[in-house]
C-alpha atoms as a PDB file:
ATOM      1  CA  UNK A   1     -12.655  60.210  -1.754  1.00  0.00           C
ATOM      2  CA  UNK A   2     -10.961  62.376  -4.442  1.00  0.00           C
ATOM      3  CA  UNK A   3      -8.845  61.098  -7.327  1.00  0.00           C
ATOM      4  CA  UNK A   4      -5.556  62.125  -5.744  1.00  0.00           C
ATOM      5  CA  UNK A   5      -6.349  60.067  -2.635  1.00  0.00           C
ATOM      6  CA  UNK A   6      -7.326  57.055  -4.721  1.00  0.00           C
ATOM      7  CA  UNK A   7      -4.111  57.288  -6.759  1.00  0.00           C
ATOM      8  CA  UNK A   8      -2.088  57.502  -3.549  1.00  0.00           C
ATOM      9  CA  UNK A   9      -3.709  54.334  -2.205  1.00  0.00           C
ATOM     10  CA  UNK A  10      -3.165  52.569  -5.511  1.00  0.00           C
ATOM     11  CA  UNK A  11       0.536  53.452  -5.431  1.00  0.00           C
ATOM     12  CA  UNK A  12       0.819  52.100  -1.885  1.00  0.00           C
ATOM     13  CA  UNK A  13      -0.922  48.868  -2.889  1.00  0.00           C
ATOM     14  CA  UNK A  14       1.391  48.435  -5.849  1.00  0.00           C
ATOM     15  CA  UNK A  15       4.376  49.132  -3.621  1.00  0.00           C
ATOM     16  CA  UNK A  16       3.236  46.635  -0.992  1.00  0.00           C
ATOM     17  CA  UNK A  17       2.589  44.016  -3.659  1.00  0.00           C
ATOM     18  CA  UNK A  18       6.132  44.429  -4.933  1.00  0.00           C
ATOM     19  CA  UNK A  19       7.472  43.900  -1.431  1.00  0.00           C
ATOM     20  CA  UNK A  20       5.431  40.721  -1.066  1.00  0.00           C
ATOM     21  CA  UNK A  21       6.734  39.373  -4.349  1.00  0.00           C
ATOM     22  CA  UNK A  22      10.279  40.298  -3.430  1.00  0.00           C
ATOM     23  CA  UNK A  23       9.989  38.530  -0.098  1.00  0.00           C
ATOM     24  CA  UNK A  24       9.247  35.337  -1.992  1.00  0.00           C
ATOM     25  CA  UNK A  25      11.988  33.414  -3.750  1.00  0.00           C
ATOM     26  CA  UNK A  26      11.921  35.362  -7.005  1.00  0.00           C
ATOM     27  CA  UNK A  27      14.057  32.753  -8.738  1.00  0.00           C
ATOM     28  CA  UNK A  28      11.165  30.304  -8.517  1.00  0.00           C
ATOM     29  CA  UNK A  29       8.222  32.722  -8.557  1.00  0.00           C
ATOM     30  CA  UNK A  30       6.372  32.661 -11.872  1.00  0.00           C
ATOM     31  CA  UNK A  31       3.873  35.447 -12.460  1.00  0.00           C
ATOM     32  CA  UNK A  32       2.675  34.455 -15.893  1.00  0.00           C
ATOM     33  CA  UNK A  33      -0.936  34.880 -16.972  1.00  0.00           C
ATOM     34  CA  UNK A  34      -3.023  33.792 -13.951  1.00  0.00           C
ATOM     35  CA  UNK A  35      -5.421  31.625 -15.940  1.00  0.00           C
ATOM     36  CA  UNK A  36      -5.796  33.946 -18.943  1.00  0.00           C
ATOM     37  CA  UNK A  37      -3.918  31.469 -21.121  1.00  0.00           C
ATOM     38  CA  UNK A  38      -3.458  27.709 -20.811  1.00  0.00           C
ATOM     39  CA  UNK A  39      -0.690  25.528 -22.206  1.00  0.00           C
ATOM     40  CA  UNK A  40      -1.228  21.833 -22.991  1.00  0.00           C
ATOM     41  CA  UNK A  41       1.581  20.103 -21.087  1.00  0.00           C
ATOM     42  CA  UNK A  42       0.257  16.617 -21.844  1.00  0.00           C
ATOM     43  CA  UNK A  43       1.955  16.495 -25.226  1.00  0.00           C
ATOM     44  CA  UNK A  44       5.372  17.606 -23.996  1.00  0.00           C
ATOM     45  CA  UNK A  45       5.216  15.139 -21.098  1.00  0.00           C
ATOM     46  CA  UNK A  46       3.925  12.204 -23.207  1.00  0.00           C
ATOM     47  CA  UNK A  47       0.879  11.830 -20.960  1.00  0.00           C
ATOM     48  CA  UNK A  48      -1.470  11.091 -23.846  1.00  0.00           C
ATOM     49  CA  UNK A  49      -5.248  11.294 -23.657  1.00  0.00           C
ATOM     50  CA  UNK A  50      -6.419  10.599 -20.118  1.00  0.00           C
ATOM     51  CA  UNK A  51      -9.681  10.729 -18.219  1.00  0.00           C
ATOM     52  CA  UNK A  52      -8.446  13.073 -15.487  1.00  0.00           C
ATOM     53  CA  UNK A  53     -10.634  12.926 -12.394  1.00  0.00           C
ATOM     54  CA  UNK A  54      -8.914  15.087  -9.776  1.00  0.00           C
ATOM     55  CA  UNK A  55      -6.382  17.900  -9.420  1.00  0.00           C
ATOM     56  CA  UNK A  56      -4.980  19.904  -6.511  1.00  0.00           C
ATOM     57  CA  UNK A  57      -2.448  22.731  -6.294  1.00  0.00           C
ATOM     58  CA  UNK A  58      -0.320  24.217  -3.493  1.00  0.00           C
ATOM     59  CA  UNK A  59      -0.890  27.851  -2.513  1.00  0.00           C
ATOM     60  CA  UNK A  60       2.036  29.216  -4.550  1.00  0.00           C
ATOM     61  CA  UNK A  61       1.331  26.787  -7.383  1.00  0.00           C
ATOM     62  CA  UNK A  62       4.748  25.174  -7.723  1.00  0.00           C
ATOM     63  CA  UNK A  63       3.481  21.814  -6.418  1.00  0.00           C
ATOM     64  CA  UNK A  64       0.610  20.276  -8.357  1.00  0.00           C
ATOM     65  CA  UNK A  65      -0.897  16.793  -8.349  1.00  0.00           C
ATOM     66  CA  UNK A  66      -3.318  15.118 -10.735  1.00  0.00           C
ATOM     67  CA  UNK A  67      -4.966  11.688 -10.933  1.00  0.00           C
ATOM     68  CA  UNK A  68      -6.741   9.767 -13.690  1.00  0.00           C
ATOM     69  CA  UNK A  69      -9.303   6.956 -13.813  1.00  0.00           C
ATOM     70  CA  UNK A  70      -6.525   4.356 -13.987  1.00  0.00           C
ATOM     71  CA  UNK A  71      -5.381   5.450 -10.548  1.00  0.00           C
ATOM     72  CA  UNK A  72      -2.188   7.008 -11.858  1.00  0.00           C
ATOM     73  CA  UNK A  73      -1.033   9.950  -9.737  1.00  0.00           C
ATOM     74  CA  UNK A  74       1.314  12.477 -11.328  1.00  0.00           C
ATOM     75  CA  UNK A  75       3.093  15.243  -9.412  1.00  0.00           C
ATOM     76  CA  UNK A  76       4.857  18.401 -10.541  1.00  0.00           C
ATOM     77  CA  UNK A  77       7.237  20.629  -8.580  1.00  0.00           C
ATOM     78  CA  UNK A  78       7.824  23.232 -11.286  1.00  0.00           C
ATOM     79  CA  UNK A  79       4.423  24.859 -11.724  1.00  0.00           C
ATOM     80  CA  UNK A  80       3.096  22.085 -13.955  1.00  0.00           C
ATOM     81  CA  UNK A  81       5.837  22.209 -16.587  1.00  0.00           C
ATOM     82  CA  UNK A  82       7.009  18.616 -16.035  1.00  0.00           C
ATOM     83  CA  UNK A  83       5.261  15.655 -14.409  1.00  0.00           C
ATOM     84  CA  UNK A  84       6.334  12.426 -12.712  1.00  0.00           C
ATOM     85  CA  UNK A  85       4.161   9.373 -12.044  1.00  0.00           C
ATOM     86  CA  UNK A  86       4.755   8.512  -8.368  1.00  0.00           C
ATOM     87  CA  UNK A  87       1.779   6.277  -7.527  1.00  0.00           C
ATOM     88  CA  UNK A  88      -0.586   3.771  -9.127  1.00  0.00           C
ATOM     89  CA  UNK A  89      -3.550   3.405  -6.774  1.00  0.00           C
ATOM     90  CA  UNK A  90      -5.493   1.141  -9.169  1.00  0.00           C
ATOM     91  CA  UNK A  91      -8.140   1.695 -11.846  1.00  0.00           C
ATOM     92  CA  UNK A  92     -11.262   3.392 -10.498  1.00  0.00           C
ATOM     93  CA  UNK A  93     -14.204   5.478 -11.708  1.00  0.00           C
ATOM     94  CA  UNK A  94     -13.731   7.857  -8.777  1.00  0.00           C
ATOM     95  CA  UNK A  95     -10.609   9.368  -7.256  1.00  0.00           C
ATOM     96  CA  UNK A  96      -9.860  12.496  -5.229  1.00  0.00           C
ATOM     97  CA  UNK A  97      -6.595  14.208  -4.300  1.00  0.00           C
ATOM     98  CA  UNK A  98      -5.855  17.161  -2.025  1.00  0.00           C
ATOM     99  CA  UNK A  99      -2.624  19.068  -1.359  1.00  0.00           C
ATOM    100  CA  UNK A 100      -1.619  21.213   1.634  1.00  0.00           C
ATOM    101  CA  UNK A 101      -0.527  24.847   1.391  1.00  0.00           C
ATOM    102  CA  UNK A 102       3.158  24.087   0.818  1.00  0.00           C
ATOM    103  CA  UNK A 103       2.514  20.900  -1.154  1.00  0.00           C
ATOM    104  CA  UNK A 104       4.381  18.778   1.375  1.00  0.00           C
ATOM    105  CA  UNK A 105       1.333  16.876   2.638  1.00  0.00           C
ATOM    106  CA  UNK A 106      -0.853  15.165   0.057  1.00  0.00           C
ATOM    107  CA  UNK A 107      -3.696  12.676   0.335  1.00  0.00           C
ATOM    108  CA  UNK A 108      -5.406  10.636  -2.376  1.00  0.00           C
ATOM    109  CA  UNK A 109      -8.183   8.048  -2.279  1.00  0.00           C
ATOM    110  CA  UNK A 110      -9.963   5.945  -4.880  1.00  0.00           C
ATOM    111  CA  UNK A 111     -12.795   4.878  -2.595  1.00  0.00           C
ATOM    112  CA  UNK A 112     -10.989   1.686  -1.610  1.00  0.00           C
ATOM    113  CA  UNK A 113      -7.758   2.932  -0.045  1.00  0.00           C
ATOM    114  CA  UNK A 114      -6.350   6.168   1.361  1.00  0.00           C
ATOM    115  CA  UNK A 115      -2.736   7.015   0.545  1.00  0.00           C
ATOM    116  CA  UNK A 116      -0.771   9.876   2.097  1.00  0.00           C
ATOM    117  CA  UNK A 117       2.528  11.565   1.307  1.00  0.00           C
ATOM    118  CA  UNK A 118       4.638  13.850   3.512  1.00  0.00           C
ATOM    119  CA  UNK A 119       7.367  14.510   0.950  1.00  0.00           C
ATOM    120  CA  UNK A 120       5.563  16.486  -1.749  1.00  0.00           C
ATOM    121  CA  UNK A 121       4.064  13.416  -3.422  1.00  0.00           C
ATOM    122  CA  UNK A 122       7.402  11.678  -4.003  1.00  0.00           C
ATOM    123  CA  UNK A 123       6.534   8.583  -1.940  1.00  0.00           C
ATOM    124  CA  UNK A 124       3.180   7.338  -0.673  1.00  0.00           C
ATOM    125  CA  UNK A 125       1.930   5.198   2.216  1.00  0.00           C
ATOM    126  CA  UNK A 126      -1.401   3.389   2.368  1.00  0.00           C
ATOM    127  CA  UNK A 127      -2.889   4.426   5.717  1.00  0.00           C
ATOM    128  CA  UNK A 128      -6.429   3.037   5.535  1.00  0.00           C
ATOM    129  CA  UNK A 129      -8.666   0.653   3.601  1.00  0.00           C
ATOM    130  CA  UNK A 130     -12.197   1.967   3.033  1.00  0.00           C
ATOM    131  CA  UNK A 131     -15.316   0.617   1.359  1.00  0.00           C
ATOM    132  CA  UNK A 132     -15.633   1.160  -2.396  1.00  0.00           C
ATOM    133  CA  UNK A 133     -17.596   4.344  -3.059  1.00  0.00           C
ATOM    134  CA  UNK A 134     -17.705   7.814  -4.584  1.00  0.00           C
ATOM    135  CA  UNK A 135     -14.886   9.622  -2.797  1.00  0.00           C
ATOM    136  CA  UNK A 136     -14.001  13.220  -1.863  1.00  0.00           C
ATOM    137  CA  UNK A 137     -10.870  14.409  -0.027  1.00  0.00           C
ATOM    138  CA  UNK A 138     -10.038  17.725   1.666  1.00  0.00           C
ATOM    139  CA  UNK A 139      -6.886  18.786   3.537  1.00  0.00           C
ATOM    140  CA  UNK A 140      -6.363  21.795   5.836  1.00  0.00           C
ATOM    141  CA  UNK A 141      -3.805  24.484   5.040  1.00  0.00           C
ATOM    142  CA  UNK A 142      -0.956  22.873   6.971  1.00  0.00           C
ATOM    143  CA  UNK A 143      -2.084  19.311   6.245  1.00  0.00           C
ATOM    144  CA  UNK A 144      -2.656  18.248   9.843  1.00  0.00           C
ATOM    145  CA  UNK A 145      -6.437  17.941   9.630  1.00  0.00           C
ATOM    146  CA  UNK A 146      -7.886  15.884   6.809  1.00  0.00           C
ATOM    147  CA  UNK A 147     -11.363  14.623   5.977  1.00  0.00           C
ATOM    148  CA  UNK A 148     -12.507  11.979   3.521  1.00  0.00           C
ATOM    149  CA  UNK A 149     -16.155  11.656   2.493  1.00  0.00           C
ATOM    150  CA  UNK A 150     -16.900   8.142   1.286  1.00  0.00           C
ATOM    151  CA  UNK A 151     -20.440   8.270  -0.120  1.00  0.00           C
ATOM    152  CA  UNK A 152     -22.415   5.132   0.622  1.00  0.00           C
ATOM    153  CA  UNK A 153     -19.969   4.411   3.426  1.00  0.00           C
ATOM    154  CA  UNK A 154     -19.015   7.052   6.017  1.00  0.00           C
ATOM    155  CA  UNK A 155     -16.808  10.052   6.840  1.00  0.00           C
ATOM    156  CA  UNK A 156     -13.195   9.581   7.933  1.00  0.00           C
ATOM    157  CA  UNK A 157     -11.222  12.258   9.768  1.00  0.00           C
ATOM    158  CA  UNK A 158      -7.551  12.549  10.672  1.00  0.00           C
ATOM    159  CA  UNK A 159      -5.778  14.993  13.003  1.00  0.00           C
ATOM    160  CA  UNK A 160      -2.238  13.721  12.411  1.00  0.00           C
ATOM    161  CA  UNK A 161      -1.540  14.381   8.727  1.00  0.00           C
ATOM    162  CA  UNK A 162      -3.467  11.305   7.572  1.00  0.00           C
ATOM    163  CA  UNK A 163      -1.413   8.775   9.521  1.00  0.00           C
ATOM    164  CA  UNK A 164      -4.487   7.415  11.338  1.00  0.00           C
ATOM    165  CA  UNK A 165      -8.200   7.867  10.708  1.00  0.00           C
ATOM    166  CA  UNK A 166     -11.405   7.936  12.759  1.00  0.00           C
ATOM    167  CA  UNK A 167     -14.557   6.625  11.105  1.00  0.00           C
ATOM    168  CA  UNK A 168     -17.933   8.179  11.854  1.00  0.00           C
ATOM    169  CA  UNK A 169     -20.204   5.437  13.198  1.00  0.00           C
ATOM    170  CA  UNK A 170     -23.980   5.325  13.348  1.00  0.00           C
ATOM    171  CA  UNK A 171     -24.129   5.515  17.150  1.00  0.00           C
ATOM    172  CA  UNK A 172     -22.396   8.927  17.238  1.00  0.00           C
ATOM    173  CA  UNK A 173     -24.755  10.625  14.756  1.00  0.00           C
ATOM    174  CA  UNK A 174     -27.371   8.407  13.131  1.00  0.00           C
ATOM    175  CA  UNK A 175     -28.877  11.148  10.929  1.00  0.00           C
ATOM    176  CA  UNK A 176     -25.527  12.185   9.493  1.00  0.00           C
ATOM    177  CA  UNK A 177     -24.401   8.595   9.037  1.00  0.00           C
ATOM    178  CA  UNK A 178     -27.632   7.570   7.276  1.00  0.00           C
ATOM    179  CA  UNK A 179     -27.438  10.624   5.025  1.00  0.00           C
ATOM    180  CA  UNK A 180     -23.980   9.581   3.823  1.00  0.00           C
ATOM    181  CA  UNK A 181     -25.041   5.943   3.515  1.00  0.00           C
ATOM    182  CA  UNK A 182     -28.012   6.673   1.269  1.00  0.00           C
ATOM    183  CA  UNK A 183     -26.801   9.572  -0.903  1.00  0.00           C
ATOM    184  CA  UNK A 184     -24.559   8.633  -3.874  1.00  0.00           C
ATOM    185  CA  UNK A 185     -22.546  11.837  -4.198  1.00  0.00           C
ATOM    186  CA  UNK A 186     -21.464  14.911  -2.247  1.00  0.00           C
ATOM    187  CA  UNK A 187     -18.528  17.113  -1.346  1.00  0.00           C
ATOM    188  CA  UNK A 188     -16.277  18.065   1.548  1.00  0.00           C
ATOM    189  CA  UNK A 189     -14.386  21.230   2.506  1.00  0.00           C
ATOM    190  CA  UNK A 190     -11.991  21.978   5.377  1.00  0.00           C
ATOM    191  CA  UNK A 191     -11.028  25.457   6.585  1.00  0.00           C
ATOM    192  CA  UNK A 192      -7.393  26.566   6.626  1.00  0.00           C
ATOM    193  CA  UNK A 193      -7.019  25.614  10.314  1.00  0.00           C
ATOM    194  CA  UNK A 194      -9.132  22.483   9.994  1.00  0.00           C
ATOM    195  CA  UNK A 195     -11.483  23.580  12.770  1.00  0.00           C
ATOM    196  CA  UNK A 196     -14.458  24.296  10.517  1.00  0.00           C
ATOM    197  CA  UNK A 197     -15.483  21.514   8.181  1.00  0.00           C
ATOM    198  CA  UNK A 198     -18.461  21.036   5.869  1.00  0.00           C
ATOM    199  CA  UNK A 199     -19.921  17.990   4.169  1.00  0.00           C
ATOM    200  CA  UNK A 200     -22.628  18.085   1.525  1.00  0.00           C
ATOM    201  CA  UNK A 201     -24.522  14.857   0.894  1.00  0.00           C
ATOM    202  CA  UNK A 202     -28.275  14.527   1.328  1.00  0.00           C
ATOM    203  CA  UNK A 203     -28.026  17.642   3.503  1.00  0.00           C
ATOM    204  CA  UNK A 204     -25.249  20.061   4.478  1.00  0.00           C
ATOM    205  CA  UNK A 205     -23.482  19.203   7.714  1.00  0.00           C
ATOM    206  CA  UNK A 206     -21.068  21.435   9.651  1.00  0.00           C
ATOM    207  CA  UNK A 207     -18.394  20.647  12.232  1.00  0.00           C
ATOM    208  CA  UNK A 208     -16.789  23.357  14.367  1.00  0.00           C
ATOM    209  CA  UNK A 209     -14.508  21.069  16.353  1.00  0.00           C
ATOM    210  CA  UNK A 210     -12.154  19.588  13.742  1.00  0.00           C
ATOM    211  CA  UNK A 211     -14.664  16.980  12.538  1.00  0.00           C
ATOM    212  CA  UNK A 212     -15.456  15.440  15.935  1.00  0.00           C
ATOM    213  CA  UNK A 213     -19.158  16.361  16.019  1.00  0.00           C
ATOM    214  CA  UNK A 214     -21.555  17.394  13.250  1.00  0.00           C
ATOM    215  CA  UNK A 215     -24.794  19.361  13.026  1.00  0.00           C
END
């Protein structure tokens, strides 16, 4: 491909990018430095020194949520400029939070309880009590499908935005269950539709049916 062709493609890409940006609400779109420079917002928000354990951000970045080891959950709706404490889930050495694409649906767990929000983290509802453990949370793009890995306990899945949860029991998959029970740490990831899910504990396990069965 010659230089003139490459330049033509580049111009088209730049043009299409501009259209995409314009189609967004430009009054709220902030195209700052994309991670090249960081600003300490803790001082301006009087957050003080904290042991932050988890953070999650919406796709555009306007909605952000963070949690510390005291179980304090802070949310921001202005790209992290200002923060509000909307939940105290209780002091814990482990906590995990996950936010949907738009930021509307959010789920947080400290290994003892699971709390969900459907109003951008403004209010929270405790939807399940789980056993104390090392915890990991993942939410699908639209928030409908959610999975919680509770190491030393089990895996919990939800298909209704975290309102109700199904716990993996030993009879459904003894190998998977025992792997979670015996391994102290891990991780969980959910695809944008929620159909494909992965859990890493003693081994890596995959579900292709929204967390119903695992191999």
